[in-house]
Amino acid sequence: MEGVKILVNSAFGYAVAGLASGLYYRELTKAQDFDGPTQLSVVHTHFLVLGVLFLLIVAIFERLFVLSANPLYRWFSVTFHAGLILTVSMQLVHGTMQVFGKEASAAISGIAGIGHVLLTVAFVVFFLTLRSAVARDPEHARSFEKESVPTSPEGAA
């Protein structure tokens, strides 16, 4: 259960960051009277979809299959968080520079590219971990159906 708690707490942190980045995008572009495309417009989407939605899905799989029992899971976790944070950090830097009319160097795009590579590696490792967990215990998810779950609380009228 500890793994699920960590994932839910991480998803909550990314939700806060996603909402804050959306606010930053709106307020910065409004304050600078900026009307045009910018990398800032995708930061909150990356946080909310990858950081929140995806991690909540991983939490469900962790609950069903205990993915964290696999040594690969640690690699997934480290590369995923590093990749997401690196990617959105560079999007924030690049987008802020765009709003202020500054030219971003190729280094910013290169570092963002490294973040995307880390995310790609994390997804591959995640699926390897998930496949291993399913192969180890293919009936595990169905075992929850076999548990005795009352359909109505006792004593309810």
N, C-alpha and C. Protein backbone atom coordinates (compact mmCIF):
# COMPACT_ATOMS: atom_id res chain seq x y z
N MET A 1 0.82 -1.21 0.00
CA MET A 1 0.00 0.00 0.00
C MET A 1 0.85 1.26 0.00
N GLU A 2 2.09 1.14 0.49
CA GLU A 2 2.97 2.31 0.54
C GLU A 2 3.23 2.86 -0.86
N GLY A 3 3.40 1.94 -1.85
CA GLY A 3 3.64 2.38 -3.23
C GLY A 3 2.47 3.17 -3.79
N VAL A 4 1.26 2.75 -3.47
CA VAL A 4 0.06 3.46 -3.94
C VAL A 4 0.02 4.85 -3.32
N LYS A 5 0.33 4.94 -2.04
CA LYS A 5 0.32 6.23 -1.35
C LYS A 5 1.34 7.19 -1.98
N ILE A 6 2.52 6.70 -2.28
CA ILE A 6 3.55 7.53 -2.91
C ILE A 6 3.07 8.02 -4.27
N LEU A 7 2.47 7.14 -5.05
CA LEU A 7 1.98 7.52 -6.38
C LEU A 7 0.87 8.56 -6.29
N VAL A 8 -0.06 8.37 -5.37
CA VAL A 8 -1.16 9.34 -5.22
C VAL A 8 -0.62 10.69 -4.75
N ASN A 9 0.33 10.67 -3.82
CA ASN A 9 0.93 11.93 -3.36
C ASN A 9 1.70 12.61 -4.49
N SER A 10 2.40 11.84 -5.30
CA SER A 10 3.10 12.41 -6.45
C SER A 10 2.12 13.02 -7.44
N ALA A 11 1.03 12.30 -7.71
CA ALA A 11 0.01 12.82 -8.63
C ALA A 11 -0.57 14.12 -8.09
N PHE A 12 -0.80 14.19 -6.78
CA PHE A 12 -1.30 15.43 -6.18
C PHE A 12 -0.30 16.57 -6.37
N GLY A 13 0.97 16.30 -6.15
CA GLY A 13 2.00 17.33 -6.35
C GLY A 13 2.04 17.82 -7.78
N TYR A 14 1.93 16.89 -8.74
CA TYR A 14 1.91 17.29 -10.14
C TYR A 14 0.62 18.05 -10.48
N ALA A 15 -0.48 17.74 -9.82
CA ALA A 15 -1.73 18.49 -10.04
C ALA A 15 -1.55 19.93 -9.60
N VAL A 16 -0.95 20.13 -8.45
CA VAL A 16 -0.70 21.49 -7.96
C VAL A 16 0.22 22.22 -8.94
N ALA A 17 1.30 21.54 -9.38
CA ALA A 17 2.23 22.15 -10.33
C ALA A 17 1.53 22.46 -11.66
N GLY A 18 0.65 21.55 -12.10
CA GLY A 18 -0.07 21.78 -13.36
C GLY A 18 -1.01 22.97 -13.28
N LEU A 19 -1.72 23.07 -12.17
CA LEU A 19 -2.62 24.22 -12.01
C LEU A 19 -1.83 25.52 -11.89
N ALA A 20 -0.73 25.48 -11.15
CA ALA A 20 0.11 26.68 -11.00
C ALA A 20 0.72 27.10 -12.33
N SER A 21 1.14 26.13 -13.14
CA SER A 21 1.73 26.47 -14.43
C SER A 21 0.69 27.05 -15.39
N GLY A 22 -0.54 26.59 -15.30
CA GLY A 22 -1.60 27.18 -16.11
C GLY A 22 -1.87 28.62 -15.70
N LEU A 23 -1.86 28.87 -14.42
CA LEU A 23 -2.03 30.23 -13.90
C LEU A 23 -0.87 31.12 -14.34
N TYR A 24 0.36 30.58 -14.25
CA TYR A 24 1.54 31.33 -14.67
C TYR A 24 1.44 31.70 -16.15
N TYR A 25 1.06 30.75 -16.98
CA TYR A 25 0.90 31.00 -18.41
C TYR A 25 -0.11 32.12 -18.67
N ARG A 26 -1.26 32.01 -18.04
CA ARG A 26 -2.31 33.00 -18.26
C ARG A 26 -1.89 34.39 -17.79
N GLU A 27 -1.35 34.46 -16.58
CA GLU A 27 -1.01 35.76 -16.00
C GLU A 27 0.19 36.40 -16.68
N LEU A 28 1.20 35.60 -17.04
CA LEU A 28 2.38 36.16 -17.70
C LEU A 28 2.02 36.71 -19.08
N THR A 29 1.27 35.94 -19.85
CA THR A 29 0.92 36.41 -21.19
C THR A 29 0.00 37.62 -21.13
N LYS A 30 -0.87 37.66 -20.12
CA LYS A 30 -1.75 38.83 -19.96
C LYS A 30 -0.94 40.06 -19.53
N ALA A 31 -0.04 39.89 -18.58
CA ALA A 31 0.77 41.01 -18.09
C ALA A 31 1.69 41.57 -19.17
N GLN A 32 2.17 40.71 -20.05
CA GLN A 32 3.07 41.14 -21.12
C GLN A 32 2.31 41.46 -22.42
N ASP A 33 0.99 41.38 -22.37
CA ASP A 33 0.14 41.62 -23.54
C ASP A 33 0.64 40.78 -24.72
N PHE A 34 0.90 39.51 -24.44
CA PHE A 34 1.43 38.58 -25.42
C PHE A 34 0.30 37.79 -26.02
N ASP A 35 0.25 37.77 -27.35
CA ASP A 35 -0.78 36.99 -28.05
C ASP A 35 -0.11 36.21 -29.16
N GLY A 36 0.24 34.98 -28.86
CA GLY A 36 0.90 34.15 -29.86
C GLY A 36 1.21 32.80 -29.28
N PRO A 37 1.77 31.92 -30.10
CA PRO A 37 2.10 30.58 -29.61
C PRO A 37 3.31 30.63 -28.67
N THR A 38 3.25 29.82 -27.65
CA THR A 38 4.35 29.71 -26.70
C THR A 38 4.35 28.32 -26.08
N GLN A 39 5.53 27.87 -25.69
CA GLN A 39 5.67 26.57 -25.03
C GLN A 39 4.93 26.53 -23.70
N LEU A 40 4.65 27.69 -23.13
CA LEU A 40 3.93 27.72 -21.85
C LEU A 40 2.55 27.09 -21.95
N SER A 41 1.97 27.10 -23.13
CA SER A 41 0.61 26.59 -23.28
C SER A 41 0.52 25.08 -23.10
N VAL A 42 1.64 24.36 -23.17
CA VAL A 42 1.59 22.90 -23.04
C VAL A 42 2.15 22.39 -21.71
N VAL A 43 2.68 23.27 -20.88
CA VAL A 43 3.27 22.84 -19.61
C VAL A 43 2.20 22.23 -18.71
N HIS A 44 1.08 22.93 -18.54
CA HIS A 44 0.06 22.39 -17.63
C HIS A 44 -0.53 21.09 -18.16
N THR A 45 -0.59 20.94 -19.46
CA THR A 45 -1.09 19.70 -20.05
C THR A 45 -0.14 18.54 -19.74
N HIS A 46 1.16 18.78 -19.87
CA HIS A 46 2.14 17.73 -19.54
C HIS A 46 2.02 17.33 -18.07
N PHE A 47 1.93 18.32 -17.20
CA PHE A 47 1.80 18.01 -15.77
C PHE A 47 0.52 17.22 -15.48
N LEU A 48 -0.60 17.67 -16.06
CA LEU A 48 -1.88 17.05 -15.72
C LEU A 48 -2.05 15.67 -16.34
N VAL A 49 -1.63 15.50 -17.58
CA VAL A 49 -1.81 14.21 -18.23
C VAL A 49 -0.75 13.20 -17.77
N LEU A 50 0.51 13.59 -17.84
CA LEU A 50 1.57 12.65 -17.46
C LEU A 50 1.71 12.55 -15.95
N GLY A 51 1.73 13.68 -15.28
CA GLY A 51 1.97 13.68 -13.84
C GLY A 51 0.78 13.22 -13.01
N VAL A 52 -0.42 13.55 -13.45
CA VAL A 52 -1.60 13.21 -12.66
C VAL A 52 -2.28 11.96 -13.22
N LEU A 53 -2.81 12.07 -14.41
CA LEU A 53 -3.60 10.97 -14.97
C LEU A 53 -2.79 9.68 -15.08
N PHE A 54 -1.60 9.77 -15.66
CA PHE A 54 -0.79 8.56 -15.83
C PHE A 54 -0.40 7.97 -14.48
N LEU A 55 0.02 8.80 -13.52
CA LEU A 55 0.43 8.24 -12.23
C LEU A 55 -0.75 7.64 -11.46
N LEU A 56 -1.94 8.17 -11.64
CA LEU A 56 -3.10 7.55 -11.00
C LEU A 56 -3.40 6.18 -11.62
N ILE A 57 -3.18 6.06 -12.92
CA ILE A 57 -3.33 4.76 -13.57
C ILE A 57 -2.26 3.79 -13.07
N VAL A 58 -1.04 4.27 -12.93
CA VAL A 58 0.04 3.43 -12.37
C VAL A 58 -0.32 3.00 -10.96
N ALA A 59 -0.94 3.89 -10.18
CA ALA A 59 -1.35 3.54 -8.80
C ALA A 59 -2.35 2.38 -8.80
N ILE A 60 -3.24 2.37 -9.76
CA ILE A 60 -4.20 1.26 -9.87
C ILE A 60 -3.45 -0.04 -10.16
N PHE A 61 -2.51 0.01 -11.11
CA PHE A 61 -1.73 -1.19 -11.42
C PHE A 61 -0.86 -1.61 -10.23
N GLU A 62 -0.35 -0.64 -9.50
CA GLU A 62 0.44 -0.96 -8.30
C GLU A 62 -0.44 -1.69 -7.29
N ARG A 63 -1.66 -1.25 -7.13
CA ARG A 63 -2.59 -1.88 -6.19
C ARG A 63 -2.94 -3.31 -6.63
N LEU A 64 -3.11 -3.49 -7.94
CA LEU A 64 -3.49 -4.80 -8.46
C LEU A 64 -2.32 -5.78 -8.52
N PHE A 65 -1.15 -5.32 -8.93
CA PHE A 65 -0.05 -6.22 -9.25
C PHE A 65 1.22 -6.00 -8.45
N VAL A 66 1.25 -5.03 -7.57
CA VAL A 66 2.45 -4.69 -6.78
C VAL A 66 3.66 -4.58 -7.71
N LEU A 67 3.58 -3.63 -8.62
CA LEU A 67 4.65 -3.41 -9.59
C LEU A 67 5.99 -3.12 -8.90
N SER A 68 5.92 -2.48 -7.75
CA SER A 68 7.15 -2.08 -7.04
C SER A 68 7.96 -3.28 -6.55
N ALA A 69 7.41 -4.49 -6.63
CA ALA A 69 8.17 -5.69 -6.27
C ALA A 69 9.22 -6.02 -7.33
N ASN A 70 9.07 -5.47 -8.51
CA ASN A 70 10.01 -5.71 -9.61
C ASN A 70 11.14 -4.68 -9.53
N PRO A 71 12.40 -5.12 -9.62
CA PRO A 71 13.53 -4.17 -9.57
C PRO A 71 13.48 -3.11 -10.67
N LEU A 72 12.83 -3.42 -11.80
CA LEU A 72 12.72 -2.44 -12.88
C LEU A 72 11.85 -1.24 -12.49
N TYR A 73 10.96 -1.45 -11.54
CA TYR A 73 10.04 -0.38 -11.15
C TYR A 73 10.80 0.86 -10.67
N ARG A 74 11.87 0.66 -9.93
CA ARG A 74 12.67 1.80 -9.44
C ARG A 74 13.23 2.58 -10.62
N TRP A 75 13.69 1.87 -11.65
CA TRP A 75 14.20 2.54 -12.85
C TRP A 75 13.09 3.34 -13.52
N PHE A 76 11.91 2.75 -13.61
CA PHE A 76 10.77 3.49 -14.17
C PHE A 76 10.54 4.77 -13.38
N SER A 77 10.46 4.65 -12.07
CA SER A 77 10.13 5.79 -11.23
C SER A 77 11.15 6.92 -11.38
N VAL A 78 12.41 6.59 -11.31
CA VAL A 78 13.47 7.61 -11.41
C VAL A 78 13.47 8.26 -12.78
N THR A 79 13.44 7.46 -13.85
CA THR A 79 13.49 8.05 -15.19
C THR A 79 12.22 8.83 -15.51
N PHE A 80 11.07 8.37 -15.02
CA PHE A 80 9.83 9.08 -15.28
C PHE A 80 9.84 10.47 -14.64
N HIS A 81 10.12 10.52 -13.34
CA HIS A 81 10.10 11.81 -12.66
C HIS A 81 11.18 12.75 -13.21
N ALA A 82 12.37 12.23 -13.45
CA ALA A 82 13.44 13.06 -14.01
C ALA A 82 13.05 13.58 -15.39
N GLY A 83 12.51 12.71 -16.21
CA GLY A 83 12.11 13.11 -17.56
C GLY A 83 11.01 14.14 -17.57
N LEU A 84 10.00 13.94 -16.73
CA LEU A 84 8.89 14.89 -16.69
C LEU A 84 9.34 16.25 -16.17
N ILE A 85 10.09 16.25 -15.10
CA ILE A 85 10.55 17.52 -14.52
C ILE A 85 11.49 18.24 -15.47
N LEU A 86 12.40 17.52 -16.11
CA LEU A 86 13.31 18.14 -17.07
C LEU A 86 12.55 18.71 -18.26
N THR A 87 11.61 17.95 -18.78
CA THR A 87 10.84 18.39 -19.93
C THR A 87 10.05 19.65 -19.63
N VAL A 88 9.28 19.65 -18.56
CA VAL A 88 8.44 20.82 -18.27
C VAL A 88 9.27 22.01 -17.82
N SER A 89 10.40 21.76 -17.18
CA SER A 89 11.28 22.88 -16.80
C SER A 89 11.77 23.61 -18.04
N MET A 90 12.19 22.86 -19.03
CA MET A 90 12.67 23.49 -20.26
C MET A 90 11.53 24.14 -21.03
N GLN A 91 10.34 23.57 -20.97
CA GLN A 91 9.19 24.21 -21.61
C GLN A 91 8.89 25.54 -20.92
N LEU A 92 9.00 25.56 -19.60
CA LEU A 92 8.79 26.81 -18.86
C LEU A 92 9.82 27.86 -19.24
N VAL A 93 11.08 27.46 -19.29
CA VAL A 93 12.14 28.40 -19.65
C VAL A 93 11.94 28.90 -21.08
N HIS A 94 11.74 27.98 -22.00
CA HIS A 94 11.57 28.34 -23.41
C HIS A 94 10.34 29.22 -23.60
N GLY A 95 9.23 28.84 -22.99
CA GLY A 95 7.99 29.61 -23.12
C GLY A 95 8.11 31.00 -22.53
N THR A 96 8.76 31.11 -21.39
CA THR A 96 8.95 32.43 -20.78
C THR A 96 9.81 33.31 -21.67
N MET A 97 10.85 32.73 -22.26
CA MET A 97 11.70 33.48 -23.19
C MET A 97 10.89 33.92 -24.41
N GLN A 98 10.02 33.08 -24.89
CA GLN A 98 9.18 33.46 -26.03
C GLN A 98 8.29 34.65 -25.70
N VAL A 99 7.69 34.62 -24.51
CA VAL A 99 6.81 35.72 -24.11
C VAL A 99 7.60 37.03 -24.03
N PHE A 100 8.84 36.98 -23.57
CA PHE A 100 9.66 38.18 -23.45
C PHE A 100 10.42 38.52 -24.73
N GLY A 101 10.17 37.75 -25.80
CA GLY A 101 10.78 38.05 -27.09
C GLY A 101 12.24 37.68 -27.20
N LYS A 102 12.71 36.79 -26.38
CA LYS A 102 14.10 36.35 -26.41
C LYS A 102 14.22 35.07 -27.23
N GLU A 103 15.34 34.94 -27.89
CA GLU A 103 15.60 33.74 -28.69
C GLU A 103 16.16 32.65 -27.78
N ALA A 104 15.57 31.48 -27.82
CA ALA A 104 16.04 30.35 -27.01
C ALA A 104 17.20 29.68 -27.73
N SER A 105 18.18 29.26 -26.95
CA SER A 105 19.33 28.59 -27.55
C SER A 105 18.99 27.13 -27.85
N ALA A 106 19.83 26.53 -28.68
CA ALA A 106 19.64 25.12 -29.02
C ALA A 106 19.81 24.23 -27.79
N ALA A 107 20.54 24.72 -26.78
CA ALA A 107 20.74 23.93 -25.56
C ALA A 107 19.42 23.67 -24.86
N ILE A 108 18.54 24.64 -24.86
CA ILE A 108 17.23 24.47 -24.20
C ILE A 108 16.44 23.37 -24.90
N SER A 109 16.43 23.39 -26.21
CA SER A 109 15.73 22.34 -26.95
C SER A 109 16.41 20.99 -26.74
N GLY A 110 17.73 20.99 -26.67
CA GLY A 110 18.45 19.74 -26.44
C GLY A 110 18.15 19.14 -25.09
N ILE A 111 18.10 19.99 -24.06
CA ILE A 111 17.80 19.49 -22.72
C ILE A 111 16.36 18.99 -22.65
N ALA A 112 15.44 19.72 -23.29
CA ALA A 112 14.05 19.25 -23.36
C ALA A 112 13.98 17.91 -24.08
N GLY A 113 14.79 17.75 -25.11
CA GLY A 113 14.85 16.48 -25.83
C GLY A 113 15.33 15.34 -24.94
N ILE A 114 16.30 15.63 -24.08
CA ILE A 114 16.77 14.62 -23.12
C ILE A 114 15.63 14.23 -22.18
N GLY A 115 14.84 15.22 -21.76
CA GLY A 115 13.68 14.93 -20.92
C GLY A 115 12.69 14.01 -21.61
N HIS A 116 12.45 14.26 -22.90
CA HIS A 116 11.54 13.41 -23.66
C HIS A 116 12.12 12.00 -23.84
N VAL A 117 13.43 11.90 -24.03
CA VAL A 117 14.06 10.58 -24.13
C VAL A 117 13.89 9.82 -22.81
N LEU A 118 14.10 10.51 -21.70
CA LEU A 118 13.92 9.87 -20.39
C LEU A 118 12.47 9.40 -20.21
N LEU A 119 11.52 10.20 -20.64
CA LEU A 119 10.11 9.78 -20.56
C LEU A 119 9.86 8.55 -21.43
N THR A 120 10.45 8.52 -22.60
CA THR A 120 10.30 7.36 -23.48
C THR A 120 10.87 6.11 -22.82
N VAL A 121 12.07 6.23 -22.25
CA VAL A 121 12.68 5.11 -21.54
C VAL A 121 11.78 4.67 -20.39
N ALA A 122 11.24 5.65 -19.66
CA ALA A 122 10.36 5.33 -18.52
C ALA A 122 9.14 4.54 -18.98
N PHE A 123 8.54 4.92 -20.10
CA PHE A 123 7.38 4.19 -20.60
C PHE A 123 7.74 2.76 -20.99
N VAL A 124 8.87 2.59 -21.65
CA VAL A 124 9.30 1.24 -22.03
C VAL A 124 9.52 0.39 -20.78
N VAL A 125 10.23 0.94 -19.79
CA VAL A 125 10.49 0.21 -18.55
C VAL A 125 9.18 -0.07 -17.81
N PHE A 126 8.26 0.89 -17.83
CA PHE A 126 6.96 0.67 -17.19
C PHE A 126 6.25 -0.53 -17.81
N PHE A 127 6.20 -0.59 -19.14
CA PHE A 127 5.50 -1.70 -19.78
C PHE A 127 6.22 -3.03 -19.57
N LEU A 128 7.53 -3.01 -19.51
CA LEU A 128 8.26 -4.24 -19.18
C LEU A 128 7.91 -4.69 -17.76
N THR A 129 7.84 -3.75 -16.84
CA THR A 129 7.47 -4.06 -15.46
C THR A 129 6.05 -4.59 -15.38
N LEU A 130 5.12 -3.94 -16.09
CA LEU A 130 3.73 -4.37 -16.07
C LEU A 130 3.58 -5.76 -16.69
N ARG A 131 4.24 -6.00 -17.82
CA ARG A 131 4.16 -7.31 -18.45
C ARG A 131 4.70 -8.40 -17.54
N SER A 132 5.79 -8.10 -16.86
CA SER A 132 6.37 -9.06 -15.92
C SER A 132 5.40 -9.36 -14.78
N ALA A 133 4.76 -8.33 -14.26
CA ALA A 133 3.81 -8.51 -13.14
C ALA A 133 2.61 -9.33 -13.58
N VAL A 134 2.11 -9.07 -14.77
CA VAL A 134 0.95 -9.82 -15.28
C VAL A 134 1.34 -11.27 -15.53
N ALA A 135 2.53 -11.50 -16.08
CA ALA A 135 2.98 -12.87 -16.32
C ALA A 135 3.21 -13.61 -15.01
N ARG A 136 3.67 -12.91 -13.99
CA ARG A 136 3.94 -13.52 -12.69
C ARG A 136 2.65 -13.96 -12.01
N ASP A 137 1.58 -13.19 -12.18
CA ASP A 137 0.33 -13.47 -11.48
C ASP A 137 -0.86 -13.06 -12.35
N PRO A 138 -1.12 -13.81 -13.44
CA PRO A 138 -2.17 -13.40 -14.37
C PRO A 138 -3.57 -13.40 -13.79
N GLU A 139 -3.82 -14.14 -12.74
CA GLU A 139 -5.15 -14.20 -12.15
C GLU A 139 -5.32 -13.24 -10.99
N HIS A 140 -4.28 -12.46 -10.69
CA HIS A 140 -4.31 -11.61 -9.51
C HIS A 140 -5.50 -10.64 -9.52
N ALA A 141 -5.71 -9.98 -10.63
CA ALA A 141 -6.81 -9.01 -10.70
C ALA A 141 -8.16 -9.69 -10.50
N ARG A 142 -8.30 -10.90 -11.02
CA ARG A 142 -9.56 -11.61 -10.86
C ARG A 142 -9.77 -12.08 -9.43
N SER A 143 -8.69 -12.23 -8.66
CA SER A 143 -8.83 -12.69 -7.29
C SER A 143 -9.61 -11.68 -6.44
N PHE A 144 -9.63 -10.43 -6.85
CA PHE A 144 -10.40 -9.44 -6.11
C PHE A 144 -11.90 -9.72 -6.23
N GLU A 145 -12.32 -10.29 -7.37
CA GLU A 145 -13.72 -10.62 -7.55
C GLU A 145 -14.14 -11.76 -6.62
N LYS A 146 -13.22 -12.65 -6.30
CA LYS A 146 -13.52 -13.82 -5.48
C LYS A 146 -13.62 -13.48 -4.00
N GLU A 147 -13.08 -12.33 -3.61
CA GLU A 147 -13.15 -11.95 -2.20
C GLU A 147 -14.59 -11.72 -1.78
N SER A 148 -14.86 -12.00 -0.56
CA SER A 148 -16.21 -11.81 -0.02
C SER A 148 -16.44 -10.32 0.23
N VAL A 149 -17.25 -9.73 -0.60
CA VAL A 149 -17.57 -8.32 -0.46
C VAL A 149 -19.08 -8.22 -0.23
N PRO A 150 -19.49 -7.72 0.92
CA PRO A 150 -20.93 -7.61 1.16
C PRO A 150 -21.57 -6.61 0.21
N THR A 151 -22.77 -6.97 -0.24
CA THR A 151 -23.47 -6.08 -1.17
C THR A 151 -24.24 -5.01 -0.42
N SER A 152 -24.55 -5.28 0.84
CA SER A 152 -25.21 -4.25 1.65
C SER A 152 -24.71 -4.37 3.08
N PRO A 153 -24.58 -3.25 3.77
CA PRO A 153 -24.09 -3.32 5.15
C PRO A 153 -25.07 -4.06 6.05
N GLU A 154 -24.52 -4.83 6.96
CA GLU A 154 -25.39 -5.54 7.88
C GLU A 154 -26.11 -4.56 8.79
N GLY A 155 -27.32 -4.86 9.06
CA GLY A 155 -28.11 -4.00 9.95
C GLY A 155 -28.84 -2.90 9.20
N ALA A 156 -28.56 -2.77 7.87
CA ALA A 156 -29.26 -1.72 7.12
C ALA A 156 -30.65 -2.22 6.80
N ALA A 157 -31.60 -1.35 6.90
CA ALA A 157 -32.99 -1.75 6.66
C ALA A 157 -33.39 -1.53 5.24
